């Protein structure tokens, strides 16, 4: 079942969300919709890739690397191409996927079920820090 909705707030999002699971996409959609975080809900890997290329968002949140990105190795390729990008990977499993996601280049692993206060605090802190230091690098997981 596909999720309902339109793209959020602006044509230059801070966050791109690409989720394979509609319940994850809908949850993030609602949280971001009431926050001050400008965001884009991508409906395909192609749309997310286009947003990365044309708008330079700071964060990509994904629950699965879906086409056109085959496998978690694509996270490393994206980060090599877009040095500014922080990737948050959502996973419901225990230790092994977390280790795999970190090994493959994800900056942060968000465990499912997501907790609103943790996700939104992290997003708002990261974006605020980036706005205050746009040319500098942020510490891992900032």
N, C-alpha and C. Protein backbone atom coordinates (compact mmCIF):
# COMPACT_ATOMS: atom_id res chain seq x y z
N UNK A 1 0.83 -1.18 0.00
CA UNK A 1 0.00 0.00 0.00
C UNK A 1 0.88 1.24 0.00
N UNK A 2 0.64 2.13 -0.91
CA UNK A 2 1.43 3.37 -1.00
C UNK A 2 0.90 4.38 0.00
N UNK A 3 1.80 5.22 0.51
CA UNK A 3 1.38 6.23 1.46
C UNK A 3 0.76 7.41 0.75
N UNK A 4 -0.05 8.13 1.48
CA UNK A 4 -0.70 9.33 0.97
C UNK A 4 0.21 10.52 1.22
N UNK A 5 0.00 11.59 0.51
CA UNK A 5 0.71 12.82 0.85
C UNK A 5 1.37 13.48 -0.32
N UNK A 6 1.86 14.65 -0.05
CA UNK A 6 2.60 15.43 -1.02
C UNK A 6 3.95 15.73 -0.41
N UNK A 7 4.78 16.35 -1.20
CA UNK A 7 6.08 16.75 -0.68
C UNK A 7 5.89 17.85 0.36
N UNK A 8 6.76 17.83 1.34
CA UNK A 8 6.67 18.83 2.40
C UNK A 8 7.34 20.12 2.01
N UNK A 9 7.11 21.08 2.70
CA UNK A 9 7.44 22.48 2.79
C UNK A 9 8.14 23.18 1.63
N UNK A 10 9.38 22.92 1.35
CA UNK A 10 10.10 23.80 0.41
C UNK A 10 10.72 23.02 -0.73
N UNK A 11 11.24 23.78 -1.70
CA UNK A 11 11.94 23.14 -2.82
C UNK A 11 13.40 22.87 -2.47
N UNK A 12 13.85 23.34 -1.33
CA UNK A 12 15.22 23.07 -0.87
C UNK A 12 15.16 22.42 0.52
N UNK A 13 14.88 21.13 0.56
CA UNK A 13 14.70 20.46 1.84
C UNK A 13 16.02 20.27 2.59
N UNK A 14 15.92 20.26 3.92
CA UNK A 14 17.06 19.88 4.76
C UNK A 14 17.16 18.36 4.84
N UNK A 15 16.00 17.70 4.73
CA UNK A 15 15.92 16.25 4.91
C UNK A 15 15.16 15.63 3.74
N UNK A 16 15.71 14.52 3.22
CA UNK A 16 14.99 13.70 2.25
C UNK A 16 14.69 12.38 2.94
N UNK A 17 13.43 11.97 2.86
CA UNK A 17 13.00 10.69 3.44
C UNK A 17 12.68 9.74 2.30
N UNK A 18 13.32 8.57 2.33
CA UNK A 18 13.05 7.52 1.34
C UNK A 18 12.79 6.24 2.12
N UNK A 19 11.54 5.85 2.21
CA UNK A 19 11.18 4.67 3.00
C UNK A 19 10.41 3.67 2.15
N UNK A 20 10.80 2.43 2.29
CA UNK A 20 10.15 1.34 1.59
C UNK A 20 8.86 0.92 2.30
N UNK A 21 8.79 1.17 3.59
CA UNK A 21 7.63 0.76 4.38
C UNK A 21 6.70 1.95 4.60
N UNK A 22 5.45 1.86 4.14
CA UNK A 22 4.53 2.99 4.27
C UNK A 22 4.32 3.47 5.70
N UNK A 23 4.32 2.56 6.68
CA UNK A 23 4.10 3.00 8.07
C UNK A 23 5.24 3.88 8.56
N UNK A 24 6.45 3.61 8.11
CA UNK A 24 7.60 4.43 8.49
C UNK A 24 7.51 5.79 7.79
N UNK A 25 7.21 5.76 6.50
CA UNK A 25 7.08 7.01 5.74
C UNK A 25 5.99 7.89 6.32
N UNK A 26 4.83 7.30 6.64
CA UNK A 26 3.72 8.08 7.19
C UNK A 26 4.07 8.69 8.53
N UNK A 27 4.74 7.94 9.37
CA UNK A 27 5.13 8.44 10.69
C UNK A 27 6.08 9.63 10.55
N UNK A 28 7.13 9.46 9.77
CA UNK A 28 8.08 10.56 9.57
C UNK A 28 7.40 11.76 8.90
N UNK A 29 6.50 11.48 7.97
CA UNK A 29 5.75 12.53 7.27
C UNK A 29 5.00 13.40 8.27
N UNK A 30 4.31 12.75 9.21
CA UNK A 30 3.54 13.50 10.22
C UNK A 30 4.47 14.31 11.12
N UNK A 31 5.54 13.71 11.60
CA UNK A 31 6.46 14.41 12.50
C UNK A 31 7.11 15.60 11.82
N UNK A 32 7.58 15.40 10.61
CA UNK A 32 8.26 16.48 9.90
C UNK A 32 7.29 17.56 9.47
N UNK A 33 6.06 17.18 9.20
CA UNK A 33 5.04 18.13 8.77
C UNK A 33 4.72 19.19 9.82
N UNK A 34 4.87 18.86 11.09
CA UNK A 34 4.56 19.82 12.15
C UNK A 34 5.82 20.45 12.74
N UNK A 35 6.97 20.08 12.23
CA UNK A 35 8.23 20.62 12.75
C UNK A 35 8.69 21.79 11.90
N UNK A 36 9.82 22.34 12.27
CA UNK A 36 10.44 23.43 11.50
C UNK A 36 11.47 22.89 10.52
N UNK A 37 11.50 21.59 10.33
CA UNK A 37 12.47 20.96 9.45
C UNK A 37 11.87 20.85 8.05
N UNK A 38 12.49 21.50 7.07
CA UNK A 38 12.00 21.40 5.70
C UNK A 38 12.41 20.04 5.15
N UNK A 39 11.48 19.38 4.48
CA UNK A 39 11.75 18.01 4.07
C UNK A 39 11.01 17.64 2.80
N UNK A 40 11.46 16.54 2.24
CA UNK A 40 10.88 16.00 1.02
C UNK A 40 10.68 14.51 1.21
N UNK A 41 9.50 14.03 0.94
CA UNK A 41 9.22 12.60 0.97
C UNK A 41 9.38 12.07 -0.45
N UNK A 42 10.43 11.30 -0.67
CA UNK A 42 10.70 10.74 -2.00
C UNK A 42 9.94 9.42 -2.13
N UNK A 43 9.33 9.21 -3.26
CA UNK A 43 8.55 8.00 -3.49
C UNK A 43 9.34 6.92 -4.21
N UNK A 44 10.57 7.24 -4.59
CA UNK A 44 11.43 6.24 -5.23
C UNK A 44 12.88 6.64 -5.03
N UNK A 45 13.76 5.69 -5.24
CA UNK A 45 15.18 5.98 -5.18
C UNK A 45 15.59 7.00 -6.23
N UNK A 46 14.93 6.97 -7.37
CA UNK A 46 15.24 7.93 -8.43
C UNK A 46 14.89 9.35 -8.00
N UNK A 47 13.74 9.50 -7.36
CA UNK A 47 13.32 10.81 -6.88
C UNK A 47 14.25 11.31 -5.77
N UNK A 48 14.65 10.43 -4.87
CA UNK A 48 15.59 10.81 -3.81
C UNK A 48 16.93 11.23 -4.40
N UNK A 49 17.41 10.47 -5.36
CA UNK A 49 18.70 10.78 -6.01
C UNK A 49 18.63 12.14 -6.71
N UNK A 50 17.53 12.41 -7.35
CA UNK A 50 17.34 13.69 -8.02
C UNK A 50 17.36 14.84 -7.00
N UNK A 51 16.71 14.63 -5.85
CA UNK A 51 16.70 15.65 -4.80
C UNK A 51 18.10 15.88 -4.26
N UNK A 52 18.86 14.81 -4.08
CA UNK A 52 20.24 14.96 -3.59
C UNK A 52 21.06 15.78 -4.57
N UNK A 53 20.85 15.53 -5.84
CA UNK A 53 21.63 16.19 -6.88
C UNK A 53 21.24 17.66 -7.05
N UNK A 54 19.94 17.96 -6.95
CA UNK A 54 19.48 19.31 -7.27
C UNK A 54 19.31 20.23 -6.07
N UNK A 55 19.12 19.67 -4.87
CA UNK A 55 18.80 20.54 -3.73
C UNK A 55 19.80 20.45 -2.58
N UNK A 56 20.70 19.51 -2.57
CA UNK A 56 21.72 19.35 -1.54
C UNK A 56 21.17 19.30 -0.11
N UNK A 57 20.25 18.40 0.18
CA UNK A 57 19.78 18.28 1.56
C UNK A 57 20.92 17.80 2.46
N UNK A 58 20.77 18.03 3.76
CA UNK A 58 21.81 17.64 4.71
C UNK A 58 21.70 16.19 5.13
N UNK A 59 20.46 15.67 5.13
CA UNK A 59 20.21 14.35 5.70
C UNK A 59 19.32 13.52 4.77
N UNK A 60 19.67 12.25 4.64
CA UNK A 60 18.83 11.26 4.00
C UNK A 60 18.43 10.26 5.07
N UNK A 61 17.13 10.06 5.25
CA UNK A 61 16.63 9.03 6.17
C UNK A 61 16.00 7.94 5.32
N UNK A 62 16.44 6.71 5.53
CA UNK A 62 15.89 5.61 4.76
C UNK A 62 15.76 4.36 5.64
N UNK A 63 14.76 3.54 5.32
CA UNK A 63 14.61 2.28 6.04
C UNK A 63 15.14 1.12 5.23
N UNK A 64 15.47 1.38 4.01
CA UNK A 64 15.98 0.33 3.14
C UNK A 64 16.57 1.02 1.92
N UNK A 65 17.63 0.50 1.45
CA UNK A 65 18.20 1.06 0.23
C UNK A 65 17.49 0.38 -0.94
N UNK A 66 16.64 1.16 -1.59
CA UNK A 66 15.81 0.63 -2.67
C UNK A 66 16.30 1.16 -4.00
N UNK A 67 15.87 0.56 -5.12
CA UNK A 67 16.34 1.00 -6.43
C UNK A 67 16.21 2.51 -6.58
N UNK A 68 17.19 3.17 -7.18
CA UNK A 68 18.28 2.59 -7.97
C UNK A 68 19.52 2.27 -7.16
N UNK A 69 19.41 2.10 -5.88
CA UNK A 69 20.57 1.86 -5.03
C UNK A 69 20.58 0.42 -4.56
N UNK A 70 21.25 -0.47 -5.24
CA UNK A 70 21.24 -1.88 -4.82
C UNK A 70 22.19 -2.14 -3.66
N UNK A 71 21.64 -2.45 -2.51
CA UNK A 71 22.46 -2.84 -1.36
C UNK A 71 22.96 -1.68 -0.53
N UNK A 72 23.40 -2.01 0.67
CA UNK A 72 23.89 -0.98 1.57
C UNK A 72 25.20 -0.34 1.09
N UNK A 73 25.90 -0.98 0.17
CA UNK A 73 27.11 -0.38 -0.39
C UNK A 73 26.81 0.95 -1.06
N UNK A 74 25.57 1.15 -1.44
CA UNK A 74 25.18 2.40 -2.09
C UNK A 74 25.32 3.59 -1.14
N UNK A 75 25.21 3.35 0.18
CA UNK A 75 25.37 4.45 1.14
C UNK A 75 26.77 5.02 1.02
N UNK A 76 27.77 4.17 0.94
CA UNK A 76 29.16 4.65 0.77
C UNK A 76 29.32 5.42 -0.53
N UNK A 77 28.71 4.92 -1.60
CA UNK A 77 28.80 5.62 -2.88
C UNK A 77 28.14 6.99 -2.81
N UNK A 78 26.96 7.07 -2.16
CA UNK A 78 26.29 8.36 -2.02
C UNK A 78 27.13 9.33 -1.22
N UNK A 79 27.71 8.86 -0.13
CA UNK A 79 28.51 9.73 0.72
C UNK A 79 29.80 10.16 0.02
N UNK A 80 30.32 9.33 -0.86
CA UNK A 80 31.50 9.72 -1.63
C UNK A 80 31.14 10.82 -2.62
N UNK A 81 29.95 10.75 -3.17
CA UNK A 81 29.51 11.74 -4.15
C UNK A 81 29.00 13.01 -3.49
N UNK A 82 28.34 12.88 -2.36
CA UNK A 82 27.75 14.01 -1.65
C UNK A 82 28.38 14.10 -0.26
N UNK A 83 29.52 14.75 -0.16
CA UNK A 83 30.28 14.78 1.09
C UNK A 83 29.50 15.42 2.24
N UNK A 84 28.57 16.30 1.93
CA UNK A 84 27.78 16.99 2.94
C UNK A 84 26.71 16.11 3.57
N UNK A 85 26.41 14.99 2.97
CA UNK A 85 25.24 14.19 3.32
C UNK A 85 25.46 13.31 4.55
N UNK A 86 24.52 13.35 5.47
CA UNK A 86 24.48 12.41 6.59
C UNK A 86 23.34 11.44 6.31
N UNK A 87 23.62 10.17 6.48
CA UNK A 87 22.62 9.14 6.20
C UNK A 87 22.20 8.48 7.50
N UNK A 88 20.89 8.48 7.73
CA UNK A 88 20.31 7.77 8.88
C UNK A 88 19.55 6.57 8.33
N UNK A 89 19.89 5.42 8.85
CA UNK A 89 19.30 4.16 8.42
C UNK A 89 18.37 3.65 9.52
N UNK A 90 17.13 3.33 9.15
CA UNK A 90 16.14 2.83 10.11
C UNK A 90 16.11 1.32 10.03
N UNK A 91 16.21 0.67 11.19
CA UNK A 91 16.18 -0.79 11.21
C UNK A 91 15.52 -1.29 12.48
N UNK A 92 14.76 -2.36 12.35
CA UNK A 92 14.05 -2.94 13.50
C UNK A 92 14.79 -4.10 14.11
N UNK A 93 15.83 -4.54 13.48
CA UNK A 93 16.52 -5.73 13.94
C UNK A 93 17.51 -5.42 15.05
N UNK A 94 18.10 -6.46 15.53
CA UNK A 94 19.06 -6.32 16.63
C UNK A 94 20.42 -5.90 16.10
N UNK A 95 21.46 -6.45 16.62
CA UNK A 95 22.83 -5.99 16.43
C UNK A 95 23.35 -6.07 15.00
N UNK A 96 23.16 -7.16 14.30
CA UNK A 96 23.83 -7.34 13.01
C UNK A 96 23.49 -6.27 11.99
N UNK A 97 22.22 -5.91 11.75
CA UNK A 97 21.96 -4.84 10.78
C UNK A 97 22.54 -3.50 11.20
N UNK A 98 22.59 -3.24 12.51
CA UNK A 98 23.18 -1.99 12.98
C UNK A 98 24.66 -1.96 12.62
N UNK A 99 25.35 -3.05 12.89
CA UNK A 99 26.77 -3.14 12.55
C UNK A 99 26.96 -3.03 11.04
N UNK A 100 26.13 -3.71 10.29
CA UNK A 100 26.23 -3.66 8.83
C UNK A 100 25.98 -2.26 8.30
N UNK A 101 24.95 -1.59 8.82
CA UNK A 101 24.66 -0.23 8.35
C UNK A 101 25.83 0.71 8.66
N UNK A 102 26.39 0.62 9.85
CA UNK A 102 27.55 1.45 10.20
C UNK A 102 28.74 1.13 9.31
N UNK A 103 28.98 -0.16 9.08
CA UNK A 103 30.09 -0.59 8.25
C UNK A 103 29.94 -0.06 6.82
N UNK A 104 28.72 0.00 6.35
CA UNK A 104 28.46 0.43 4.97
C UNK A 104 28.33 1.94 4.83
N UNK A 105 28.52 2.68 5.92
CA UNK A 105 28.60 4.13 5.79
C UNK A 105 27.48 4.95 6.40
N UNK A 106 26.48 4.34 6.99
CA UNK A 106 25.43 5.14 7.63
C UNK A 106 26.01 5.88 8.82
N UNK A 107 25.63 7.13 8.97
CA UNK A 107 26.14 7.94 10.08
C UNK A 107 25.38 7.66 11.37
N UNK A 108 24.14 7.27 11.22
CA UNK A 108 23.29 7.04 12.38
C UNK A 108 22.33 5.92 12.05
N UNK A 109 22.08 5.08 13.04
CA UNK A 109 21.08 4.03 12.91
C UNK A 109 19.95 4.38 13.85
N UNK A 110 18.75 4.51 13.30
CA UNK A 110 17.56 4.77 14.10
C UNK A 110 16.81 3.46 14.25
N UNK A 111 16.58 3.05 15.47
CA UNK A 111 15.93 1.76 15.68
C UNK A 111 14.42 1.91 15.65
N UNK A 112 13.78 0.91 15.04
CA UNK A 112 12.33 0.85 14.95
C UNK A 112 11.82 0.05 16.13
N UNK A 113 10.79 0.45 16.79
CA UNK A 113 9.96 1.62 16.49
C UNK A 113 10.67 2.93 16.84
N UNK A 114 10.46 3.92 15.99
CA UNK A 114 11.08 5.22 16.19
C UNK A 114 10.44 5.93 17.39
N UNK A 115 11.25 6.72 18.06
CA UNK A 115 10.74 7.55 19.17
C UNK A 115 10.79 9.01 18.75
N UNK A 116 9.65 9.65 18.74
CA UNK A 116 9.51 11.02 18.27
C UNK A 116 10.55 11.95 18.87
N UNK A 117 10.67 11.96 20.19
CA UNK A 117 11.56 12.91 20.84
C UNK A 117 13.02 12.69 20.46
N UNK A 118 13.42 11.45 20.26
CA UNK A 118 14.81 11.16 19.88
C UNK A 118 15.07 11.59 18.44
N UNK A 119 14.20 11.21 17.53
CA UNK A 119 14.39 11.53 16.11
C UNK A 119 14.36 13.04 15.88
N UNK A 120 13.35 13.71 16.43
CA UNK A 120 13.21 15.14 16.16
C UNK A 120 14.31 15.95 16.85
N UNK A 121 14.71 15.56 18.05
CA UNK A 121 15.81 16.27 18.72
C UNK A 121 17.09 16.13 17.89
N UNK A 122 17.37 14.93 17.41
CA UNK A 122 18.57 14.72 16.60
C UNK A 122 18.51 15.56 15.32
N UNK A 123 17.37 15.51 14.61
CA UNK A 123 17.25 16.26 13.36
C UNK A 123 17.41 17.76 13.59
N UNK A 124 16.68 18.29 14.56
CA UNK A 124 16.73 19.73 14.80
C UNK A 124 18.11 20.18 15.27
N UNK A 125 18.76 19.38 16.10
CA UNK A 125 20.11 19.72 16.57
C UNK A 125 21.11 19.70 15.42
N UNK A 126 21.02 18.66 14.59
CA UNK A 126 21.94 18.53 13.46
C UNK A 126 21.77 19.69 12.48
N UNK A 127 20.54 20.01 12.16
CA UNK A 127 20.29 21.08 11.19
C UNK A 127 20.69 22.43 11.76
N UNK A 128 20.40 22.67 13.02
CA UNK A 128 20.80 23.92 13.67
C UNK A 128 22.33 24.06 13.69
N UNK A 129 23.03 23.00 14.03
CA UNK A 129 24.50 23.03 14.05
C UNK A 129 25.04 23.30 12.66
N UNK A 130 24.44 22.70 11.64
CA UNK A 130 24.89 22.90 10.27
C UNK A 130 24.66 24.35 9.83
N UNK A 131 23.55 24.92 10.23
CA UNK A 131 23.28 26.32 9.85
C UNK A 131 24.27 27.27 10.50
N UNK A 132 24.74 26.94 11.69
CA UNK A 132 25.71 27.79 12.39
C UNK A 132 27.13 27.55 11.89
N UNK A 133 27.37 26.45 11.20
CA UNK A 133 28.70 26.10 10.72
C UNK A 133 28.57 25.44 9.34
N UNK A 134 28.05 26.15 8.35
CA UNK A 134 27.72 25.54 7.07
C UNK A 134 28.90 24.99 6.29
N UNK A 135 30.09 25.53 6.49
CA UNK A 135 31.25 25.05 5.73
C UNK A 135 32.12 24.10 6.52
N UNK A 136 31.84 23.96 7.79
CA UNK A 136 32.63 23.08 8.63
C UNK A 136 32.04 21.70 8.69
N UNK A 137 32.83 20.77 9.18
CA UNK A 137 32.31 19.42 9.31
C UNK A 137 31.72 19.27 10.70
N UNK A 138 30.71 18.44 10.78
CA UNK A 138 30.08 18.14 12.05
C UNK A 138 30.64 16.84 12.58
N UNK A 139 30.69 16.69 13.87
CA UNK A 139 31.15 15.41 14.43
C UNK A 139 30.19 14.31 14.04
N UNK A 140 30.71 13.11 13.89
CA UNK A 140 29.89 11.96 13.54
C UNK A 140 28.73 11.82 14.50
N UNK A 141 27.53 11.73 13.94
CA UNK A 141 26.34 11.55 14.75
C UNK A 141 25.87 12.81 15.44
N UNK A 142 26.41 13.97 15.08
CA UNK A 142 26.01 15.21 15.74
C UNK A 142 24.57 15.53 15.44
